Amino acid sequence: MKRFAQILSIIFVILTFVGAGYIWYHHGTVSAGYAVVPMLFALVSILFYRQKK
């Protein structure tokens, strides 16, 4: 379960950077949620990983 949380956190961090790049590519005219929502899931999975550690 710990390994699963680690993999999820890595995926969501990557999605956060992809979302930030998407926002930057469109000069900030799209919603910031493209980067914020994956970051929230990344934080939750990182917290879950640290609890299991």
PDB file of N, CA and C in Angstrom:
ATOM      1  N   MET A   1       0.820  -1.190   0.000  1.00  0.00           N
ATOM      2  CA  MET A   1       0.000   0.000   0.000  1.00  0.00           C
ATOM      3  C   MET A   1       0.868   1.260   0.000  1.00  0.00           C
ATOM      4  N   LYS A   2       2.008   1.159   0.685  1.00  0.00           N
ATOM      5  CA  LYS A   2       2.920   2.291   0.738  1.00  0.00           C
ATOM      6  C   LYS A   2       3.489   2.589  -0.645  1.00  0.00           C
ATOM      7  N   ARG A   3       3.829   1.556  -1.362  1.00  0.00           N
ATOM      8  CA  ARG A   3       4.387   1.702  -2.710  1.00  0.00           C
ATOM      9  C   ARG A   3       3.355   2.316  -3.661  1.00  0.00           C
ATOM     10  N   PHE A   4       2.095   1.904  -3.504  1.00  0.00           N
ATOM     11  CA  PHE A   4       1.004   2.437  -4.326  1.00  0.00           C
ATOM     12  C   PHE A   4       0.839   3.938  -4.086  1.00  0.00           C
ATOM     13  N   ALA A   5       0.925   4.374  -2.832  1.00  0.00           N
ATOM     14  CA  ALA A   5       0.813   5.797  -2.506  1.00  0.00           C
ATOM     15  C   ALA A   5       1.988   6.574  -3.093  1.00  0.00           C
ATOM     16  N   GLN A   6       3.159   5.980  -3.095  1.00  0.00           N
ATOM     17  CA  GLN A   6       4.331   6.639  -3.660  1.00  0.00           C
ATOM     18  C   GLN A   6       4.180   6.801  -5.173  1.00  0.00           C
ATOM     19  N   ILE A   7       3.709   5.781  -5.837  1.00  0.00           N
ATOM     20  CA  ILE A   7       3.515   5.851  -7.289  1.00  0.00           C
ATOM     21  C   ILE A   7       2.448   6.889  -7.632  1.00  0.00           C
ATOM     22  N   LEU A   8       1.351   6.895  -6.865  1.00  0.00           N
ATOM     23  CA  LEU A   8       0.302   7.887  -7.102  1.00  0.00           C
ATOM     24  C   LEU A   8       0.821   9.305  -6.912  1.00  0.00           C
ATOM     25  N   SER A   9       1.621   9.514  -5.893  1.00  0.00           N
ATOM     26  CA  SER A   9       2.133  10.858  -5.657  1.00  0.00           C
ATOM     27  C   SER A   9       3.044  11.312  -6.798  1.00  0.00           C
ATOM     28  N   ILE A  10       3.849  10.419  -7.322  1.00  0.00           N
ATOM     29  CA  ILE A  10       4.719  10.763  -8.448  1.00  0.00           C
ATOM     30  C   ILE A  10       3.883  11.108  -9.677  1.00  0.00           C
ATOM     31  N   ILE A  11       2.855  10.320  -9.936  1.00  0.00           N
ATOM     32  CA  ILE A  11       1.990  10.583 -11.094  1.00  0.00           C
ATOM     33  C   ILE A  11       1.300  11.932 -10.959  1.00  0.00           C
ATOM     34  N   PHE A  12       0.785  12.225  -9.767  1.00  0.00           N
ATOM     35  CA  PHE A  12       0.074  13.485  -9.581  1.00  0.00           C
ATOM     36  C   PHE A  12       1.004  14.691  -9.604  1.00  0.00           C
ATOM     37  N   VAL A  13       2.235  14.525  -9.158  1.00  0.00           N
ATOM     38  CA  VAL A  13       3.198  15.630  -9.256  1.00  0.00           C
ATOM     39  C   VAL A  13       3.520  15.906 -10.723  1.00  0.00           C
ATOM     40  N   ILE A  14       3.671  14.851 -11.502  1.00  0.00           N
ATOM     41  CA  ILE A  14       3.916  15.029 -12.940  1.00  0.00           C
ATOM     42  C   ILE A  14       2.725  15.713 -13.596  1.00  0.00           C
ATOM     43  N   LEU A  15       1.511  15.293 -13.239  1.00  0.00           N
ATOM     44  CA  LEU A  15       0.313  15.931 -13.789  1.00  0.00           C
ATOM     45  C   LEU A  15       0.208  17.395 -13.374  1.00  0.00           C
ATOM     46  N   THR A  16       0.696  17.716 -12.189  1.00  0.00           N
ATOM     47  CA  THR A  16       0.697  19.107 -11.743  1.00  0.00           C
ATOM     48  C   THR A  16       1.590  19.955 -12.637  1.00  0.00           C
ATOM     49  N   PHE A  17       2.775  19.454 -12.938  1.00  0.00           N
ATOM     50  CA  PHE A  17       3.679  20.210 -13.804  1.00  0.00           C
ATOM     51  C   PHE A  17       3.145  20.291 -15.234  1.00  0.00           C
ATOM     52  N   VAL A  18       2.488  19.243 -15.694  1.00  0.00           N
ATOM     53  CA  VAL A  18       1.875  19.288 -17.025  1.00  0.00           C
ATOM     54  C   VAL A  18       0.761  20.335 -17.044  1.00  0.00           C
ATOM     55  N   GLY A  19      -0.051  20.358 -15.999  1.00  0.00           N
ATOM     56  CA  GLY A  19      -1.112  21.358 -15.904  1.00  0.00           C
ATOM     57  C   GLY A  19      -0.570  22.768 -15.824  1.00  0.00           C
ATOM     58  N   ALA A  20       0.515  22.964 -15.085  1.00  0.00           N
ATOM     59  CA  ALA A  20       1.128  24.287 -15.007  1.00  0.00           C
ATOM     60  C   ALA A  20       1.688  24.709 -16.365  1.00  0.00           C
ATOM     61  N   GLY A  21       2.276  23.758 -17.071  1.00  0.00           N
ATOM     62  CA  GLY A  21       2.764  24.056 -18.417  1.00  0.00           C
ATOM     63  C   GLY A  21       1.628  24.403 -19.370  1.00  0.00           C
ATOM     64  N   TYR A  22       0.504  23.720 -19.218  1.00  0.00           N
ATOM     65  CA  TYR A  22      -0.668  24.007 -20.049  1.00  0.00           C
ATOM     66  C   TYR A  22      -1.172  25.422 -19.780  1.00  0.00           C
ATOM     67  N   ILE A  23      -1.210  25.801 -18.518  1.00  0.00           N
ATOM     68  CA  ILE A  23      -1.643  27.159 -18.161  1.00  0.00           C
ATOM     69  C   ILE A  23      -0.666  28.184 -18.720  1.00  0.00           C
ATOM     70  N   TRP A  24       0.616  27.891 -18.595  1.00  0.00           N
ATOM     71  CA  TRP A  24       1.635  28.810 -19.092  1.00  0.00           C
ATOM     72  C   TRP A  24       1.581  28.923 -20.612  1.00  0.00           C
ATOM     73  N   TYR A  25       1.335  27.814 -21.289  1.00  0.00           N
ATOM     74  CA  TYR A  25       1.252  27.797 -22.747  1.00  0.00           C
ATOM     75  C   TYR A  25       0.101  28.665 -23.242  1.00  0.00           C
ATOM     76  N   HIS A  26      -0.991  28.674 -22.491  1.00  0.00           N
ATOM     77  CA  HIS A  26      -2.162  29.470 -22.866  1.00  0.00           C
ATOM     78  C   HIS A  26      -2.165  30.845 -22.208  1.00  0.00           C
ATOM     79  N   HIS A  27      -1.019  31.260 -21.700  1.00  0.00           N
ATOM     80  CA  HIS A  27      -0.807  32.594 -21.136  1.00  0.00           C
ATOM     81  C   HIS A  27      -1.768  32.921 -19.995  1.00  0.00           C
ATOM     82  N   GLY A  28      -2.133  31.934 -19.217  1.00  0.00           N
ATOM     83  CA  GLY A  28      -2.951  32.150 -18.035  1.00  0.00           C
ATOM     84  C   GLY A  28      -4.418  32.365 -18.299  1.00  0.00           C
ATOM     85  N   THR A  29      -4.887  32.104 -19.511  1.00  0.00           N
ATOM     86  CA  THR A  29      -6.296  32.329 -19.827  1.00  0.00           C
ATOM     87  C   THR A  29      -7.174  31.134 -19.481  1.00  0.00           C
ATOM     88  N   VAL A  30      -6.590  29.997 -19.172  1.00  0.00           N
ATOM     89  CA  VAL A  30      -7.361  28.818 -18.779  1.00  0.00           C
ATOM     90  C   VAL A  30      -7.388  28.728 -17.256  1.00  0.00           C
ATOM     91  N   SER A  31      -8.228  27.868 -16.759  1.00  0.00           N
ATOM     92  CA  SER A  31      -8.417  27.738 -15.320  1.00  0.00           C
ATOM     93  C   SER A  31      -7.159  27.204 -14.629  1.00  0.00           C
ATOM     94  N   ALA A  32      -6.899  27.733 -13.438  1.00  0.00           N
ATOM     95  CA  ALA A  32      -5.758  27.272 -12.651  1.00  0.00           C
ATOM     96  C   ALA A  32      -6.003  25.884 -12.074  1.00  0.00           C
ATOM     97  N   GLY A  33      -7.221  25.409 -12.163  1.00  0.00           N
ATOM     98  CA  GLY A  33      -7.556  24.091 -11.659  1.00  0.00           C
ATOM     99  C   GLY A  33      -6.804  22.967 -12.346  1.00  0.00           C
ATOM    100  N   TYR A  34      -6.313  23.224 -13.553  1.00  0.00           N
ATOM    101  CA  TYR A  34      -5.528  22.214 -14.247  1.00  0.00           C
ATOM    102  C   TYR A  34      -4.256  21.867 -13.481  1.00  0.00           C
ATOM    103  N   ALA A  35      -3.763  22.769 -12.667  1.00  0.00           N
ATOM    104  CA  ALA A  35      -2.571  22.496 -11.873  1.00  0.00           C
ATOM    105  C   ALA A  35      -2.900  22.277 -10.401  1.00  0.00           C
ATOM    106  N   VAL A  36      -3.952  22.927  -9.918  1.00  0.00           N
ATOM    107  CA  VAL A  36      -4.261  22.879  -8.489  1.00  0.00           C
ATOM    108  C   VAL A  36      -4.858  21.531  -8.081  1.00  0.00           C
ATOM    109  N   VAL A  37      -5.764  21.015  -8.869  1.00  0.00           N
ATOM    110  CA  VAL A  37      -6.442  19.761  -8.505  1.00  0.00           C
ATOM    111  C   VAL A  37      -5.457  18.589  -8.425  1.00  0.00           C
ATOM    112  N   PRO A  38      -4.569  18.394  -9.420  1.00  0.00           N
ATOM    113  CA  PRO A  38      -3.592  17.300  -9.256  1.00  0.00           C
ATOM    114  C   PRO A  38      -2.655  17.510  -8.074  1.00  0.00           C
ATOM    115  N   MET A  39      -2.344  18.780  -7.762  1.00  0.00           N
ATOM    116  CA  MET A  39      -1.466  19.038  -6.623  1.00  0.00           C
ATOM    117  C   MET A  39      -2.151  18.661  -5.312  1.00  0.00           C
ATOM    118  N   LEU A  40      -3.449  18.889  -5.208  1.00  0.00           N
ATOM    119  CA  LEU A  40      -4.163  18.472  -4.005  1.00  0.00           C
ATOM    120  C   LEU A  40      -4.125  16.959  -3.841  1.00  0.00           C
ATOM    121  N   PHE A  41      -4.345  16.241  -4.931  1.00  0.00           N
ATOM    122  CA  PHE A  41      -4.269  14.780  -4.867  1.00  0.00           C
ATOM    123  C   PHE A  41      -2.847  14.311  -4.560  1.00  0.00           C
ATOM    124  N   ALA A  42      -1.854  15.026  -5.083  1.00  0.00           N
ATOM    125  CA  ALA A  42      -0.463  14.683  -4.783  1.00  0.00           C
ATOM    126  C   ALA A  42      -0.172  14.881  -3.301  1.00  0.00           C
ATOM    127  N   LEU A  43      -0.647  15.967  -2.738  1.00  0.00           N
ATOM    128  CA  LEU A  43      -0.418  16.213  -1.314  1.00  0.00           C
ATOM    129  C   LEU A  43      -1.086  15.155  -0.448  1.00  0.00           C
ATOM    130  N   VAL A  44      -2.293  14.761  -0.817  1.00  0.00           N
ATOM    131  CA  VAL A  44      -2.999  13.729  -0.053  1.00  0.00           C
ATOM    132  C   VAL A  44      -2.257  12.402  -0.133  1.00  0.00           C
ATOM    133  N   SER A  45      -1.800  12.037  -1.316  1.00  0.00           N
ATOM    134  CA  SER A  45      -1.097  10.764  -1.444  1.00  0.00           C
ATOM    135  C   SER A  45       0.267  10.804  -0.760  1.00  0.00           C
ATOM    136  N   ILE A  46       0.927  11.969  -0.758  1.00  0.00           N
ATOM    137  CA  ILE A  46       2.198  12.081  -0.044  1.00  0.00           C
ATOM    138  C   ILE A  46       1.977  11.966   1.461  1.00  0.00           C
ATOM    139  N   LEU A  47       0.921  12.590   1.957  1.00  0.00           N
ATOM    140  CA  LEU A  47       0.602  12.466   3.380  1.00  0.00           C
ATOM    141  C   LEU A  47       0.278  11.022   3.759  1.00  0.00           C
ATOM    142  N   PHE A  48      -0.457  10.338   2.886  1.00  0.00           N
ATOM    143  CA  PHE A  48      -0.777   8.942   3.131  1.00  0.00           C
ATOM    144  C   PHE A  48       0.490   8.090   3.135  1.00  0.00           C
ATOM    145  N   TYR A  49       1.399   8.373   2.218  1.00  0.00           N
ATOM    146  CA  TYR A  49       2.663   7.656   2.158  1.00  0.00           C
ATOM    147  C   TYR A  49       3.479   7.871   3.433  1.00  0.00           C
ATOM    148  N   ARG A  50       3.512   9.103   3.909  1.00  0.00           N
ATOM    149  CA  ARG A  50       4.299   9.406   5.102  1.00  0.00           C
ATOM    150  C   ARG A  50       3.678   8.791   6.355  1.00  0.00           C
ATOM    151  N   GLN A  51       2.359   8.653   6.382  1.00  0.00           N
ATOM    152  CA  GLN A  51       1.706   7.996   7.528  1.00  0.00           C
ATOM    153  C   GLN A  51       2.062   6.514   7.572  1.00  0.00           C
ATOM    154  N   LYS A  52       2.120   5.882   6.430  1.00  0.00           N
ATOM    155  CA  LYS A  52       2.429   4.454   6.362  1.00  0.00           C
ATOM    156  C   LYS A  52       3.906   4.172   6.584  1.00  0.00           C
ATOM    157  N   LYS A  53       4.735   5.188   6.442  1.00  0.00           N
ATOM    158  CA  LYS A  53       6.179   5.011   6.630  1.00  0.00           C
ATOM    159  C   LYS A  53       6.464   4.901   8.081  1.00  0.00           C
TER     160      LYS A  53
END
